[in-house]
Amino acid sequence: QVQLVESGGGLVQAGGSLRLSCAGSGTIVSINIMGWYRRAPGKQRELVAGITPSGSTNYADSVKGRFTISRDNAKNTVDLQMNSLKPEDTAVYYCNARRQSWLNGNWGQGTQVSVSS
């Protein structure tokens, strides 16, 4: 059974930083397409950052240059380093693991990130 557990969310002032971590069990993150998504109040879920098994990364335009996704194969985790946070980054952040891009994959329970102005 695949489980993804996010941690690291919280409340931070604008300009601050947070580091989210997604721990996988029942699957190996290095062979999955791993992604961080977010859903802000009243908005649709959006992809924030992704990393492929080969290590290629992609980011939403709104977070480029501020967020960095990384993978630790030894720990079986995928992290999202978020710097220069803005109030518009406030959302519930979810971790996703999928073997192929067209699959829905598995989701974590989400972690709240709140950025105050």
N, C-alpha and C. Protein backbone atom coordinates (compact mmCIF):
# COMPACT_ATOMS: atom_id res chain seq x y z
N GLN A 1 0.85 -1.19 0.00
CA GLN A 1 0.00 0.00 0.00
C GLN A 1 0.88 1.24 0.00
N VAL A 2 0.63 2.09 -0.98
CA VAL A 2 1.42 3.31 -1.10
C VAL A 2 0.90 4.37 -0.14
N GLN A 3 1.82 4.97 0.59
CA GLN A 3 1.46 6.09 1.47
C GLN A 3 2.46 7.21 1.27
N LEU A 4 1.93 8.42 1.20
CA LEU A 4 2.76 9.62 1.11
C LEU A 4 2.37 10.52 2.27
N VAL A 5 3.36 10.95 3.03
CA VAL A 5 3.10 11.78 4.20
C VAL A 5 3.88 13.07 4.08
N GLU A 6 3.14 14.18 4.03
CA GLU A 6 3.78 15.50 3.94
C GLU A 6 4.02 16.07 5.33
N SER A 7 5.03 16.88 5.43
CA SER A 7 5.32 17.59 6.67
C SER A 7 6.04 18.89 6.33
N GLY A 8 6.08 19.78 7.31
CA GLY A 8 6.85 21.00 7.15
C GLY A 8 6.04 22.25 6.90
N GLY A 9 4.72 22.12 6.80
CA GLY A 9 3.91 23.31 6.59
C GLY A 9 3.84 24.16 7.84
N GLY A 10 3.26 25.32 7.69
CA GLY A 10 3.12 26.21 8.84
C GLY A 10 2.79 27.62 8.42
N LEU A 11 2.92 28.53 9.38
CA LEU A 11 2.64 29.95 9.16
C LEU A 11 3.97 30.71 9.12
N VAL A 12 4.13 31.52 8.10
CA VAL A 12 5.36 32.27 7.94
C VAL A 12 5.04 33.65 7.39
N GLN A 13 5.88 34.62 7.69
CA GLN A 13 5.68 35.97 7.15
C GLN A 13 6.17 36.03 5.71
N ALA A 14 5.61 36.96 4.97
CA ALA A 14 6.05 37.17 3.59
C ALA A 14 7.56 37.40 3.55
N GLY A 15 8.20 36.77 2.59
CA GLY A 15 9.65 36.86 2.47
C GLY A 15 10.38 35.74 3.18
N GLY A 16 9.65 34.98 3.98
CA GLY A 16 10.25 33.89 4.72
C GLY A 16 10.38 32.62 3.90
N SER A 17 10.82 31.57 4.56
CA SER A 17 11.06 30.28 3.90
C SER A 17 10.44 29.14 4.68
N LEU A 18 10.08 28.11 3.95
CA LEU A 18 9.63 26.84 4.53
C LEU A 18 10.18 25.71 3.67
N ARG A 19 10.35 24.57 4.31
CA ARG A 19 10.76 23.37 3.57
C ARG A 19 9.76 22.27 3.83
N LEU A 20 9.11 21.83 2.77
CA LEU A 20 8.16 20.73 2.86
C LEU A 20 8.87 19.42 2.53
N SER A 21 8.43 18.36 3.18
CA SER A 21 8.99 17.05 2.90
C SER A 21 7.87 16.04 2.68
N CYS A 22 8.09 15.15 1.74
CA CYS A 22 7.13 14.09 1.43
C CYS A 22 7.85 12.76 1.60
N ALA A 23 7.39 11.98 2.56
CA ALA A 23 8.00 10.67 2.81
C ALA A 23 7.13 9.58 2.20
N GLY A 24 7.75 8.74 1.41
CA GLY A 24 7.03 7.68 0.75
C GLY A 24 7.22 6.34 1.42
N SER A 25 6.16 5.55 1.43
CA SER A 25 6.25 4.17 1.88
C SER A 25 5.40 3.32 0.94
N GLY A 26 5.84 2.09 0.73
CA GLY A 26 5.11 1.23 -0.20
C GLY A 26 5.46 1.53 -1.66
N THR A 27 6.32 2.49 -1.88
CA THR A 27 6.79 2.81 -3.22
C THR A 27 8.16 3.49 -3.09
N ILE A 28 8.89 3.50 -4.17
CA ILE A 28 10.20 4.13 -4.19
C ILE A 28 10.10 5.42 -4.97
N VAL A 29 10.38 6.56 -4.32
CA VAL A 29 10.14 7.84 -4.97
C VAL A 29 11.00 8.01 -6.22
N SER A 30 12.16 7.36 -6.24
CA SER A 30 13.06 7.57 -7.37
C SER A 30 12.55 7.00 -8.68
N ILE A 31 11.58 6.08 -8.63
CA ILE A 31 11.07 5.51 -9.87
C ILE A 31 9.71 6.10 -10.25
N ASN A 32 9.28 7.09 -9.49
CA ASN A 32 8.02 7.75 -9.76
C ASN A 32 8.24 9.15 -10.29
N ILE A 33 7.25 9.65 -10.99
CA ILE A 33 7.18 11.07 -11.26
C ILE A 33 6.59 11.69 -10.00
N MET A 34 7.38 12.47 -9.30
CA MET A 34 6.95 13.06 -8.05
C MET A 34 6.58 14.52 -8.28
N GLY A 35 5.50 14.92 -7.64
CA GLY A 35 5.07 16.30 -7.81
C GLY A 35 4.54 16.90 -6.53
N TRP A 36 4.72 18.20 -6.41
CA TRP A 36 4.09 18.99 -5.37
C TRP A 36 3.00 19.83 -6.02
N TYR A 37 1.82 19.72 -5.49
CA TYR A 37 0.67 20.48 -5.97
C TYR A 37 0.16 21.34 -4.82
N ARG A 38 -0.66 22.32 -5.17
CA ARG A 38 -1.29 23.11 -4.12
C ARG A 38 -2.70 23.49 -4.54
N ARG A 39 -3.52 23.70 -3.52
CA ARG A 39 -4.88 24.18 -3.75
C ARG A 39 -5.14 25.32 -2.79
N ALA A 40 -5.31 26.49 -3.37
CA ALA A 40 -5.63 27.68 -2.58
C ALA A 40 -7.14 27.79 -2.44
N PRO A 41 -7.61 28.46 -1.42
CA PRO A 41 -9.07 28.61 -1.23
C PRO A 41 -9.74 29.19 -2.47
N GLY A 42 -10.77 28.52 -2.95
CA GLY A 42 -11.52 29.00 -4.09
C GLY A 42 -10.85 28.80 -5.43
N LYS A 43 -9.73 28.09 -5.44
CA LYS A 43 -9.00 27.88 -6.69
C LYS A 43 -8.83 26.39 -6.97
N GLN A 44 -8.51 26.08 -8.20
CA GLN A 44 -8.26 24.69 -8.57
C GLN A 44 -6.86 24.28 -8.14
N ARG A 45 -6.70 22.99 -7.97
CA ARG A 45 -5.39 22.45 -7.66
C ARG A 45 -4.44 22.70 -8.83
N GLU A 46 -3.21 23.08 -8.52
CA GLU A 46 -2.24 23.34 -9.57
C GLU A 46 -0.91 22.67 -9.24
N LEU A 47 -0.19 22.33 -10.29
CA LEU A 47 1.14 21.77 -10.13
C LEU A 47 2.11 22.89 -9.76
N VAL A 48 2.87 22.67 -8.70
CA VAL A 48 3.87 23.64 -8.27
C VAL A 48 5.25 23.26 -8.80
N ALA A 49 5.61 22.00 -8.61
CA ALA A 49 6.92 21.54 -9.05
C ALA A 49 6.88 20.03 -9.21
N GLY A 50 7.69 19.53 -10.14
CA GLY A 50 7.76 18.10 -10.36
C GLY A 50 9.18 17.66 -10.63
N ILE A 51 9.44 16.37 -10.37
CA ILE A 51 10.75 15.79 -10.66
C ILE A 51 10.54 14.39 -11.19
N THR A 52 11.23 14.07 -12.28
CA THR A 52 11.08 12.77 -12.92
C THR A 52 12.13 11.80 -12.39
N PRO A 53 11.97 10.51 -12.72
CA PRO A 53 12.99 9.55 -12.29
C PRO A 53 14.39 9.90 -12.78
N SER A 54 14.51 10.56 -13.91
CA SER A 54 15.82 10.94 -14.44
C SER A 54 16.37 12.18 -13.75
N GLY A 55 15.54 12.84 -12.95
CA GLY A 55 15.98 14.04 -12.24
C GLY A 55 15.60 15.34 -12.90
N SER A 56 14.90 15.27 -14.00
CA SER A 56 14.43 16.51 -14.64
C SER A 56 13.37 17.16 -13.77
N THR A 57 13.43 18.48 -13.70
CA THR A 57 12.49 19.21 -12.87
C THR A 57 11.70 20.22 -13.70
N ASN A 58 10.53 20.55 -13.21
CA ASN A 58 9.74 21.60 -13.84
C ASN A 58 9.00 22.35 -12.75
N TYR A 59 8.71 23.61 -13.03
CA TYR A 59 8.10 24.48 -12.02
C TYR A 59 7.01 25.32 -12.66
N ALA A 60 6.03 25.66 -11.85
CA ALA A 60 5.04 26.64 -12.26
C ALA A 60 5.74 27.99 -12.41
N ASP A 61 5.30 28.78 -13.36
CA ASP A 61 5.93 30.09 -13.60
C ASP A 61 5.93 30.94 -12.34
N SER A 62 4.88 30.80 -11.54
CA SER A 62 4.72 31.66 -10.37
C SER A 62 5.74 31.37 -9.27
N VAL A 63 6.41 30.21 -9.34
CA VAL A 63 7.36 29.87 -8.28
C VAL A 63 8.79 29.73 -8.78
N LYS A 64 9.00 29.87 -10.07
CA LYS A 64 10.36 29.74 -10.63
C LYS A 64 11.30 30.74 -9.98
N GLY A 65 12.46 30.23 -9.59
CA GLY A 65 13.45 31.07 -8.94
C GLY A 65 13.26 31.19 -7.45
N ARG A 66 12.14 30.72 -6.93
CA ARG A 66 11.88 30.80 -5.49
C ARG A 66 11.79 29.42 -4.85
N PHE A 67 11.24 28.46 -5.58
CA PHE A 67 11.04 27.11 -5.04
C PHE A 67 12.02 26.14 -5.71
N THR A 68 12.43 25.14 -4.94
CA THR A 68 13.30 24.10 -5.48
C THR A 68 12.82 22.74 -5.00
N ILE A 69 12.61 21.83 -5.96
CA ILE A 69 12.23 20.46 -5.62
C ILE A 69 13.48 19.60 -5.66
N SER A 70 13.57 18.68 -4.70
CA SER A 70 14.72 17.78 -4.66
C SER A 70 14.29 16.43 -4.13
N ARG A 71 15.13 15.44 -4.41
CA ARG A 71 14.80 14.07 -4.02
C ARG A 71 15.98 13.48 -3.26
N ASP A 72 15.68 12.78 -2.19
CA ASP A 72 16.70 12.07 -1.42
C ASP A 72 16.39 10.58 -1.52
N ASN A 73 17.11 9.89 -2.38
CA ASN A 73 16.81 8.48 -2.62
C ASN A 73 17.07 7.64 -1.37
N ALA A 74 18.06 7.98 -0.60
CA ALA A 74 18.38 7.21 0.59
C ALA A 74 17.26 7.29 1.63
N LYS A 75 16.64 8.45 1.72
CA LYS A 75 15.56 8.65 2.68
C LYS A 75 14.19 8.37 2.07
N ASN A 76 14.15 8.19 0.76
CA ASN A 76 12.88 8.00 0.05
C ASN A 76 11.94 9.18 0.27
N THR A 77 12.49 10.36 0.13
CA THR A 77 11.71 11.57 0.33
C THR A 77 11.89 12.52 -0.85
N VAL A 78 10.91 13.40 -1.00
CA VAL A 78 10.98 14.49 -1.96
C VAL A 78 10.66 15.77 -1.22
N ASP A 79 11.52 16.74 -1.31
CA ASP A 79 11.36 17.99 -0.58
C ASP A 79 11.04 19.14 -1.52
N LEU A 80 10.42 20.16 -0.93
CA LEU A 80 10.17 21.40 -1.66
C LEU A 80 10.67 22.54 -0.79
N GLN A 81 11.76 23.14 -1.21
CA GLN A 81 12.30 24.31 -0.52
C GLN A 81 11.62 25.54 -1.09
N MET A 82 10.98 26.29 -0.21
CA MET A 82 10.23 27.47 -0.64
C MET A 82 10.83 28.71 0.00
N ASN A 83 11.36 29.58 -0.83
CA ASN A 83 11.97 30.83 -0.37
C ASN A 83 11.17 32.03 -0.88
N SER A 84 11.41 33.16 -0.28
CA SER A 84 10.75 34.41 -0.70
C SER A 84 9.24 34.21 -0.82
N LEU A 85 8.67 33.61 0.20
CA LEU A 85 7.25 33.28 0.15
C LEU A 85 6.39 34.54 0.09
N LYS A 86 5.28 34.39 -0.62
CA LYS A 86 4.33 35.48 -0.81
C LYS A 86 2.97 35.06 -0.27
N PRO A 87 2.13 36.02 0.09
CA PRO A 87 0.79 35.66 0.57
C PRO A 87 0.03 34.78 -0.43
N GLU A 88 0.27 34.98 -1.71
CA GLU A 88 -0.43 34.18 -2.72
C GLU A 88 0.06 32.74 -2.77
N ASP A 89 1.09 32.41 -2.02
CA ASP A 89 1.54 31.01 -1.91
C ASP A 89 0.72 30.25 -0.88
N THR A 90 -0.13 30.94 -0.16
CA THR A 90 -0.96 30.30 0.85
C THR A 90 -1.87 29.25 0.20
N ALA A 91 -1.78 28.02 0.69
CA ALA A 91 -2.54 26.92 0.12
C ALA A 91 -2.28 25.66 0.92
N VAL A 92 -3.05 24.62 0.61
CA VAL A 92 -2.72 23.28 1.09
C VAL A 92 -1.84 22.65 0.02
N TYR A 93 -0.70 22.15 0.44
CA TYR A 93 0.26 21.56 -0.48
C TYR A 93 0.19 20.03 -0.38
N TYR A 94 0.13 19.40 -1.54
CA TYR A 94 -0.01 17.95 -1.62
C TYR A 94 1.17 17.35 -2.39
N CYS A 95 1.56 16.18 -1.94
CA CYS A 95 2.58 15.40 -2.63
C CYS A 95 1.88 14.34 -3.49
N ASN A 96 2.43 14.10 -4.66
CA ASN A 96 1.86 13.11 -5.57
C ASN A 96 2.95 12.23 -6.14
N ALA A 97 2.64 10.95 -6.29
CA ALA A 97 3.57 10.01 -6.91
C ALA A 97 2.82 9.23 -7.98
N ARG A 98 3.37 9.20 -9.18
CA ARG A 98 2.74 8.44 -10.26
C ARG A 98 3.80 7.80 -11.12
N ARG A 99 3.48 6.62 -11.62
CA ARG A 99 4.46 5.91 -12.45
C ARG A 99 4.48 6.44 -13.88
N GLN A 100 3.33 6.93 -14.34
CA GLN A 100 3.24 7.51 -15.68
C GLN A 100 2.49 8.83 -15.57
N SER A 101 2.78 9.72 -16.48
CA SER A 101 2.22 11.07 -16.39
C SER A 101 0.71 11.09 -16.54
N TRP A 102 0.15 10.08 -17.23
CA TRP A 102 -1.29 10.09 -17.47
C TRP A 102 -2.08 9.43 -16.35
N LEU A 103 -1.40 8.91 -15.36
CA LEU A 103 -2.07 8.28 -14.22
C LEU A 103 -2.34 9.29 -13.11
N ASN A 104 -3.35 9.02 -12.34
CA ASN A 104 -3.66 9.89 -11.21
C ASN A 104 -2.65 9.69 -10.08
N GLY A 105 -2.19 8.48 -9.90
CA GLY A 105 -1.18 8.21 -8.89
C GLY A 105 -1.74 8.25 -7.48
N ASN A 106 -0.84 8.44 -6.54
CA ASN A 106 -1.18 8.46 -5.13
C ASN A 106 -0.94 9.85 -4.55
N TRP A 107 -1.78 10.20 -3.58
CA TRP A 107 -1.72 11.53 -2.99
C TRP A 107 -1.51 11.45 -1.49
N GLY A 108 -0.82 12.43 -0.98
CA GLY A 108 -0.70 12.58 0.45
C GLY A 108 -1.91 13.32 1.00
N GLN A 109 -1.91 13.52 2.32
CA GLN A 109 -3.08 14.14 2.96
C GLN A 109 -3.02 15.66 2.90
N GLY A 110 -1.89 16.20 2.56
CA GLY A 110 -1.74 17.64 2.43
C GLY A 110 -1.18 18.29 3.68
N THR A 111 -0.52 19.42 3.48
CA THR A 111 -0.01 20.21 4.60
C THR A 111 -0.28 21.69 4.30
N GLN A 112 -0.73 22.39 5.31
CA GLN A 112 -1.14 23.79 5.13
C GLN A 112 0.07 24.71 5.19
N VAL A 113 0.15 25.59 4.21
CA VAL A 113 1.14 26.66 4.21
C VAL A 113 0.39 27.99 4.20
N SER A 114 0.67 28.81 5.18
CA SER A 114 0.03 30.12 5.27
C SER A 114 1.10 31.19 5.34
N VAL A 115 0.98 32.19 4.46
CA VAL A 115 1.96 33.27 4.39
C VAL A 115 1.24 34.57 4.70
N SER A 116 1.67 35.23 5.75
CA SER A 116 1.05 36.49 6.15
C SER A 116 1.79 37.67 5.53
N SER A 117 1.03 38.73 5.27
CA SER A 117 1.65 39.91 4.64
C SER A 117 2.18 40.88 5.68
